[in-house]
Amino acid sequence: MKIISKKQANDILVSSLFNPGGTFNKGKFDSGKYIWHGSQKHYIGKDVPNIPGIHAIYVERRQNKDGPYAQLMCIYN
């Protein structure tokens, strides 16, 4: 599985509202905090482990007292 953009992940989430199989949820993929490199472009397309039940993985910029970091988020059942 590859990391996609946040817009693509949100499109998957919204399209699940209209599918009869039920809606998807979003949440943290892992608890790691990764160095933020300036934009999503540095993360999109990188390989991540394929885990059953997870439909998409995207990166989100967050910030704390130590500065900006990247958080991997996922769309799951």
PDB file of N, CA and C in Angstrom:
ATOM      1  N   MET A   1       0.845  -1.164   0.000  1.00  0.00           N
ATOM      2  CA  MET A   1       0.000   0.000   0.000  1.00  0.00           C
ATOM      3  C   MET A   1       0.896   1.234   0.000  1.00  0.00           C
ATOM      4  N   LYS A   2       0.433   2.280  -0.646  1.00  0.00           N
ATOM      5  CA  LYS A   2       1.201   3.519  -0.731  1.00  0.00           C
ATOM      6  C   LYS A   2       0.444   4.653  -0.046  1.00  0.00           C
ATOM      7  N   ILE A   3       1.186   5.637   0.434  1.00  0.00           N
ATOM      8  CA  ILE A   3       0.591   6.817   1.055  1.00  0.00           C
ATOM      9  C   ILE A   3      -0.035   7.669  -0.045  1.00  0.00           C
ATOM     10  N   ILE A   4      -1.262   8.138   0.190  1.00  0.00           N
ATOM     11  CA  ILE A   4      -1.967   8.979  -0.770  1.00  0.00           C
ATOM     12  C   ILE A   4      -2.139  10.371  -0.173  1.00  0.00           C
ATOM     13  N   SER A   5      -2.685  11.290  -0.964  1.00  0.00           N
ATOM     14  CA  SER A   5      -2.900  12.647  -0.468  1.00  0.00           C
ATOM     15  C   SER A   5      -4.124  12.682   0.451  1.00  0.00           C
ATOM     16  N   LYS A   6      -4.191  13.716   1.255  1.00  0.00           N
ATOM     17  CA  LYS A   6      -5.317  13.866   2.176  1.00  0.00           C
ATOM     18  C   LYS A   6      -6.623  14.049   1.415  1.00  0.00           C
ATOM     19  N   LYS A   7      -6.582  14.731   0.274  1.00  0.00           N
ATOM     20  CA  LYS A   7      -7.779  14.923  -0.542  1.00  0.00           C
ATOM     21  C   LYS A   7      -8.311  13.591  -1.065  1.00  0.00           C
ATOM     22  N   GLN A   8      -7.409  12.728  -1.537  1.00  0.00           N
ATOM     23  CA  GLN A   8      -7.845  11.415  -2.016  1.00  0.00           C
ATOM     24  C   GLN A   8      -8.439  10.593  -0.877  1.00  0.00           C
ATOM     25  N   ALA A   9      -7.836  10.682   0.308  1.00  0.00           N
ATOM     26  CA  ALA A   9      -8.353   9.946   1.458  1.00  0.00           C
ATOM     27  C   ALA A   9      -9.737  10.452   1.855  1.00  0.00           C
ATOM     28  N   ASN A  10      -9.931  11.758   1.832  1.00  0.00           N
ATOM     29  CA  ASN A  10     -11.246  12.319   2.157  1.00  0.00           C
ATOM     30  C   ASN A  10     -12.281  11.921   1.117  1.00  0.00           C
ATOM     31  N   ASP A  11     -11.888  11.814  -0.155  1.00  0.00           N
ATOM     32  CA  ASP A  11     -12.809  11.357  -1.195  1.00  0.00           C
ATOM     33  C   ASP A  11     -13.250   9.918  -0.929  1.00  0.00           C
ATOM     34  N   ILE A  12     -12.330   9.069  -0.489  1.00  0.00           N
ATOM     35  CA  ILE A  12     -12.670   7.680  -0.142  1.00  0.00           C
ATOM     36  C   ILE A  12     -13.638   7.657   1.029  1.00  0.00           C
ATOM     37  N   LEU A  13     -13.394   8.497   2.022  1.00  0.00           N
ATOM     38  CA  LEU A  13     -14.241   8.567   3.205  1.00  0.00           C
ATOM     39  C   LEU A  13     -15.648   9.020   2.845  1.00  0.00           C
ATOM     40  N   VAL A  14     -15.760  10.041   2.007  1.00  0.00           N
ATOM     41  CA  VAL A  14     -17.072  10.552   1.604  1.00  0.00           C
ATOM     42  C   VAL A  14     -17.800   9.545   0.733  1.00  0.00           C
ATOM     43  N   SER A  15     -17.090   8.888  -0.180  1.00  0.00           N
ATOM     44  CA  SER A  15     -17.755   7.916  -1.051  1.00  0.00           C
ATOM     45  C   SER A  15     -18.279   6.718  -0.262  1.00  0.00           C
ATOM     46  N   SER A  16     -17.680   6.430   0.896  1.00  0.00           N
ATOM     47  CA  SER A  16     -18.167   5.309   1.713  1.00  0.00           C
ATOM     48  C   SER A  16     -19.544   5.610   2.306  1.00  0.00           C
ATOM     49  N   LEU A  17     -19.912   6.873   2.385  1.00  0.00           N
ATOM     50  CA  LEU A  17     -21.235   7.226   2.907  1.00  0.00           C
ATOM     51  C   LEU A  17     -22.348   6.744   1.993  1.00  0.00           C
ATOM     52  N   PHE A  18     -22.052   6.604   0.702  1.00  0.00           N
ATOM     53  CA  PHE A  18     -23.065   6.234  -0.270  1.00  0.00           C
ATOM     54  C   PHE A  18     -22.999   4.764  -0.665  1.00  0.00           C
ATOM     55  N   ASN A  19     -22.085   4.003  -0.078  1.00  0.00           N
ATOM     56  CA  ASN A  19     -21.981   2.573  -0.368  1.00  0.00           C
ATOM     57  C   ASN A  19     -22.807   1.788   0.641  1.00  0.00           C
ATOM     58  N   PRO A  20     -23.452   0.712   0.192  1.00  0.00           N
ATOM     59  CA  PRO A  20     -24.287  -0.070   1.102  1.00  0.00           C
ATOM     60  C   PRO A  20     -23.494  -0.867   2.141  1.00  0.00           C
ATOM     61  N   GLY A  21     -22.182  -0.993   1.993  1.00  0.00           N
ATOM     62  CA  GLY A  21     -21.379  -1.795   2.908  1.00  0.00           C
ATOM     63  C   GLY A  21     -21.088  -1.132   4.243  1.00  0.00           C
ATOM     64  N   GLY A  22     -21.460   0.114   4.417  1.00  0.00           N
ATOM     65  CA  GLY A  22     -21.194   0.822   5.661  1.00  0.00           C
ATOM     66  C   GLY A  22     -20.161   1.917   5.471  1.00  0.00           C
ATOM     67  N   THR A  23     -20.045   2.760   6.469  1.00  0.00           N
ATOM     68  CA  THR A  23     -19.127   3.883   6.364  1.00  0.00           C
ATOM     69  C   THR A  23     -17.769   3.535   6.959  1.00  0.00           C
ATOM     70  N   PHE A  24     -16.744   4.232   6.493  1.00  0.00           N
ATOM     71  CA  PHE A  24     -15.389   4.068   7.005  1.00  0.00           C
ATOM     72  C   PHE A  24     -15.133   5.111   8.088  1.00  0.00           C
ATOM     73  N   ASN A  25     -14.108   4.897   8.857  1.00  0.00           N
ATOM     74  CA  ASN A  25     -13.680   5.818   9.899  1.00  0.00           C
ATOM     75  C   ASN A  25     -12.261   6.271   9.609  1.00  0.00           C
ATOM     76  N   LYS A  26     -11.835   7.345  10.271  1.00  0.00           N
ATOM     77  CA  LYS A  26     -10.441   7.745  10.142  1.00  0.00           C
ATOM     78  C   LYS A  26      -9.826   7.815  11.529  1.00  0.00           C
ATOM     79  N   GLY A  27      -8.519   7.538  11.588  1.00  0.00           N
ATOM     80  CA  GLY A  27      -7.806   7.545  12.848  1.00  0.00           C
ATOM     81  C   GLY A  27      -6.311   7.482  12.613  1.00  0.00           C
ATOM     82  N   LYS A  28      -5.550   7.429  13.707  1.00  0.00           N
ATOM     83  CA  LYS A  28      -4.095   7.358  13.596  1.00  0.00           C
ATOM     84  C   LYS A  28      -3.671   5.988  13.096  1.00  0.00           C
ATOM     85  N   PHE A  29      -2.709   5.970  12.186  1.00  0.00           N
ATOM     86  CA  PHE A  29      -2.165   4.710  11.683  1.00  0.00           C
ATOM     87  C   PHE A  29      -1.190   4.125  12.697  1.00  0.00           C
ATOM     88  N   ASP A  30      -0.339   4.959  13.256  1.00  0.00           N
ATOM     89  CA  ASP A  30       0.581   4.541  14.307  1.00  0.00           C
ATOM     90  C   ASP A  30       0.822   5.731  15.231  1.00  0.00           C
ATOM     91  N   SER A  31       1.559   5.532  16.283  1.00  0.00           N
ATOM     92  CA  SER A  31       1.779   6.604  17.255  1.00  0.00           C
ATOM     93  C   SER A  31       3.088   7.343  17.025  1.00  0.00           C
ATOM     94  N   GLY A  32       3.747   7.089  15.897  1.00  0.00           N
ATOM     95  CA  GLY A  32       5.021   7.741  15.610  1.00  0.00           C
ATOM     96  C   GLY A  32       4.852   9.190  15.190  1.00  0.00           C
ATOM     97  N   LYS A  33       5.868   9.970  15.479  1.00  0.00           N
ATOM     98  CA  LYS A  33       5.932  11.359  15.026  1.00  0.00           C
ATOM     99  C   LYS A  33       7.146  11.460  14.118  1.00  0.00           C
ATOM    100  N   TYR A  34       6.913  11.812  12.865  1.00  0.00           N
ATOM    101  CA  TYR A  34       7.970  11.840  11.879  1.00  0.00           C
ATOM    102  C   TYR A  34       8.324  13.283  11.525  1.00  0.00           C
ATOM    103  N   ILE A  35       9.517  13.499  11.042  1.00  0.00           N
ATOM    104  CA  ILE A  35       9.976  14.839  10.685  1.00  0.00           C
ATOM    105  C   ILE A  35       9.133  15.369   9.537  1.00  0.00           C
ATOM    106  N   TRP A  36       8.644  16.601   9.687  1.00  0.00           N
ATOM    107  CA  TRP A  36       7.879  17.243   8.618  1.00  0.00           C
ATOM    108  C   TRP A  36       8.855  17.891   7.652  1.00  0.00           C
ATOM    109  N   HIS A  37       8.726  17.556   6.365  1.00  0.00           N
ATOM    110  CA  HIS A  37       9.666  18.031   5.354  1.00  0.00           C
ATOM    111  C   HIS A  37       9.143  19.202   4.541  1.00  0.00           C
ATOM    112  N   GLY A  38       8.028  19.795   4.892  1.00  0.00           N
ATOM    113  CA  GLY A  38       7.564  20.984   4.197  1.00  0.00           C
ATOM    114  C   GLY A  38       6.275  20.825   3.430  1.00  0.00           C
ATOM    115  N   SER A  39       5.983  19.643   2.919  1.00  0.00           N
ATOM    116  CA  SER A  39       4.709  19.418   2.229  1.00  0.00           C
ATOM    117  C   SER A  39       4.424  17.923   2.153  1.00  0.00           C
ATOM    118  N   GLN A  40       3.195  17.612   1.744  1.00  0.00           N
ATOM    119  CA  GLN A  40       2.789  16.217   1.612  1.00  0.00           C
ATOM    120  C   GLN A  40       3.550  15.506   0.504  1.00  0.00           C
ATOM    121  N   LYS A  41       4.068  16.248  -0.452  1.00  0.00           N
ATOM    122  CA  LYS A  41       4.730  15.662  -1.615  1.00  0.00           C
ATOM    123  C   LYS A  41       5.881  14.744  -1.226  1.00  0.00           C
ATOM    124  N   HIS A  42       6.509  14.999  -0.095  1.00  0.00           N
ATOM    125  CA  HIS A  42       7.644  14.190   0.336  1.00  0.00           C
ATOM    126  C   HIS A  42       7.216  12.813   0.838  1.00  0.00           C
ATOM    127  N   TYR A  43       5.932  12.642   1.149  1.00  0.00           N
ATOM    128  CA  TYR A  43       5.444  11.389   1.712  1.00  0.00           C
ATOM    129  C   TYR A  43       4.597  10.584   0.737  1.00  0.00           C
ATOM    130  N   ILE A  44       3.906  11.257  -0.184  1.00  0.00           N
ATOM    131  CA  ILE A  44       2.990  10.582  -1.104  1.00  0.00           C
ATOM    132  C   ILE A  44       3.762   9.611  -1.994  1.00  0.00           C
ATOM    133  N   GLY A  45       3.244   8.389  -2.079  1.00  0.00           N
ATOM    134  CA  GLY A  45       3.850   7.365  -2.920  1.00  0.00           C
ATOM    135  C   GLY A  45       4.796   6.425  -2.184  1.00  0.00           C
ATOM    136  N   LYS A  46       5.115   6.712  -0.928  1.00  0.00           N
ATOM    137  CA  LYS A  46       6.004   5.821  -0.171  1.00  0.00           C
ATOM    138  C   LYS A  46       5.232   4.583   0.271  1.00  0.00           C
ATOM    139  N   ASP A  47       5.940   3.458   0.299  1.00  0.00           N
ATOM    140  CA  ASP A  47       5.320   2.196   0.687  1.00  0.00           C
ATOM    141  C   ASP A  47       5.142   2.106   2.196  1.00  0.00           C
ATOM    142  N   VAL A  48       4.009   1.540   2.598  1.00  0.00           N
ATOM    143  CA  VAL A  48       3.726   1.231   3.999  1.00  0.00           C
ATOM    144  C   VAL A  48       3.174  -0.194   4.041  1.00  0.00           C
ATOM    145  N   PRO A  49       3.236  -0.844   5.199  1.00  0.00           N
ATOM    146  CA  PRO A  49       2.741  -2.230   5.267  1.00  0.00           C
ATOM    147  C   PRO A  49       1.255  -2.320   4.925  1.00  0.00           C
ATOM    148  N   ASN A  50       0.891  -3.382   4.243  1.00  0.00           N
ATOM    149  CA  ASN A  50      -0.501  -3.628   3.883  1.00  0.00           C
ATOM    150  C   ASN A  50      -1.172  -4.367   5.036  1.00  0.00           C
ATOM    151  N   ILE A  51      -2.136  -3.737   5.689  1.00  0.00           N
ATOM    152  CA  ILE A  51      -2.825  -4.306   6.845  1.00  0.00           C
ATOM    153  C   ILE A  51      -4.299  -4.491   6.482  1.00  0.00           C
ATOM    154  N   PRO A  52      -4.864  -5.672   6.728  1.00  0.00           N
ATOM    155  CA  PRO A  52      -6.273  -5.899   6.408  1.00  0.00           C
ATOM    156  C   PRO A  52      -7.180  -4.918   7.164  1.00  0.00           C
ATOM    157  N   GLY A  53      -8.201  -4.418   6.476  1.00  0.00           N
ATOM    158  CA  GLY A  53      -9.150  -3.499   7.085  1.00  0.00           C
ATOM    159  C   GLY A  53      -8.812  -2.036   6.884  1.00  0.00           C
ATOM    160  N   ILE A  54      -7.589  -1.747   6.456  1.00  0.00           N
ATOM    161  CA  ILE A  54      -7.194  -0.363   6.196  1.00  0.00           C
ATOM    162  C   ILE A  54      -7.288  -0.114   4.700  1.00  0.00           C
ATOM    163  N   HIS A  55      -8.024   0.928   4.325  1.00  0.00           N
ATOM    164  CA  HIS A  55      -8.269   1.213   2.911  1.00  0.00           C
ATOM    165  C   HIS A  55      -7.353   2.280   2.347  1.00  0.00           C
ATOM    166  N   ALA A  56      -6.867   3.195   3.194  1.00  0.00           N
ATOM    167  CA  ALA A  56      -6.006   4.275   2.710  1.00  0.00           C
ATOM    168  C   ALA A  56      -5.169   4.812   3.857  1.00  0.00           C
ATOM    169  N   ILE A  57      -3.986   5.314   3.518  1.00  0.00           N
ATOM    170  CA  ILE A  57      -3.101   5.953   4.488  1.00  0.00           C
ATOM    171  C   ILE A  57      -2.664   7.288   3.905  1.00  0.00           C
ATOM    172  N   TYR A  58      -2.736   8.326   4.725  1.00  0.00           N
ATOM    173  CA  TYR A  58      -2.311   9.654   4.295  1.00  0.00           C
ATOM    174  C   TYR A  58      -1.537  10.318   5.421  1.00  0.00           C
ATOM    175  N   VAL A  59      -0.858  11.411   5.095  1.00  0.00           N
ATOM    176  CA  VAL A  59      -0.044  12.119   6.080  1.00  0.00           C
ATOM    177  C   VAL A  59      -0.720  13.448   6.422  1.00  0.00           C
ATOM    178  N   GLU A  60      -0.619  13.824   7.689  1.00  0.00           N
ATOM    179  CA  GLU A  60      -1.215  15.063   8.166  1.00  0.00           C
ATOM    180  C   GLU A  60      -0.173  15.834   8.959  1.00  0.00           C
ATOM    181  N   ARG A  61      -0.110  17.134   8.755  1.00  0.00           N
ATOM    182  CA  ARG A  61       0.842  17.970   9.484  1.00  0.00           C
ATOM    183  C   ARG A  61       0.244  18.334  10.834  1.00  0.00           C
ATOM    184  N   ARG A  62       1.026  18.151  11.879  1.00  0.00           N
ATOM    185  CA  ARG A  62       0.632  18.537  13.231  1.00  0.00           C
ATOM    186  C   ARG A  62       1.771  19.316  13.866  1.00  0.00           C
ATOM    187  N   GLN A  63       1.494  19.942  14.996  1.00  0.00           N
ATOM    188  CA  GLN A  63       2.530  20.724  15.658  1.00  0.00           C
ATOM    189  C   GLN A  63       2.347  20.648  17.167  1.00  0.00           C
ATOM    190  N   ASN A  64       3.489  20.584  17.873  1.00  0.00           N
ATOM    191  CA  ASN A  64       3.487  20.654  19.324  1.00  0.00           C
ATOM    192  C   ASN A  64       4.586  21.611  19.760  1.00  0.00           C
ATOM    193  N   LYS A  65       4.952  21.596  21.027  1.00  0.00           N
ATOM    194  CA  LYS A  65       5.953  22.538  21.529  1.00  0.00           C
ATOM    195  C   LYS A  65       7.317  22.361  20.877  1.00  0.00           C
ATOM    196  N   ASP A  66       7.588  21.191  20.334  1.00  0.00           N
ATOM    197  CA  ASP A  66       8.871  20.922  19.686  1.00  0.00           C
ATOM    198  C   ASP A  66       8.895  21.309  18.214  1.00  0.00           C
ATOM    199  N   GLY A  67       7.755  21.686  17.660  1.00  0.00           N
ATOM    200  CA  GLY A  67       7.687  22.086  16.267  1.00  0.00           C
ATOM    201  C   GLY A  67       6.794  21.177  15.441  1.00  0.00           C
ATOM    202  N   PRO A  68       6.762  21.369  14.130  1.00  0.00           N
ATOM    203  CA  PRO A  68       5.881  20.580  13.276  1.00  0.00           C
ATOM    204  C   PRO A  68       6.377  19.142  13.117  1.00  0.00           C
ATOM    205  N   TYR A  69       5.408  18.231  12.954  1.00  0.00           N
ATOM    206  CA  TYR A  69       5.725  16.834  12.689  1.00  0.00           C
ATOM    207  C   TYR A  69       4.645  16.238  11.795  1.00  0.00           C
ATOM    208  N   ALA A  70       4.943  15.097  11.216  1.00  0.00           N
ATOM    209  CA  ALA A  70       4.005  14.397  10.340  1.00  0.00           C
ATOM    210  C   ALA A  70       3.377  13.240  11.107  1.00  0.00           C
ATOM    211  N   GLN A  71       2.079  13.109  11.004  1.00  0.00           N
ATOM    212  CA  GLN A  71       1.336  12.016  11.624  1.00  0.00           C
ATOM    213  C   GLN A  71       0.686  11.205  10.513  1.00  0.00           C
ATOM    214  N   LEU A  72       0.904   9.903  10.499  1.00  0.00           N
ATOM    215  CA  LEU A  72       0.262   9.034   9.516  1.00  0.00           C
ATOM    216  C   LEU A  72      -1.143   8.711  10.000  1.00  0.00           C
ATOM    217  N   MET A  73      -2.114   8.962   9.135  1.00  0.00           N
ATOM    218  CA  MET A  73      -3.520   8.708   9.441  1.00  0.00           C
ATOM    219  C   MET A  73      -4.034   7.662   8.469  1.00  0.00           C
ATOM    220  N   CYS A  74      -5.124   6.976   8.856  1.00  0.00           N
ATOM    221  CA  CYS A  74      -5.661   5.932   7.978  1.00  0.00           C
ATOM    222  C   CYS A  74      -7.183   5.989   7.915  1.00  0.00           C
ATOM    223  N   ILE A  75      -7.703   5.409   6.855  1.00  0.00           N
ATOM    224  CA  ILE A  75      -9.132   5.197   6.663  1.00  0.00           C
ATOM    225  C   ILE A  75      -9.352   3.696   6.835  1.00  0.00           C
ATOM    226  N   TYR A  76     -10.234   3.318   7.771  1.00  0.00           N
ATOM    227  CA  TYR A  76     -10.428   1.903   8.086  1.00  0.00           C
ATOM    228  C   TYR A  76     -11.899   1.588   8.273  1.00  0.00           C
ATOM    229  N   ASN A  77     -12.221   0.284   8.352  1.00  0.00           N
ATOM    230  CA  ASN A  77     -13.612  -0.159   8.578  1.00  0.00           C
ATOM    231  C   ASN A  77     -14.020   0.101   9.995  1.00  0.00           C
TER     232      ASN A  77
END
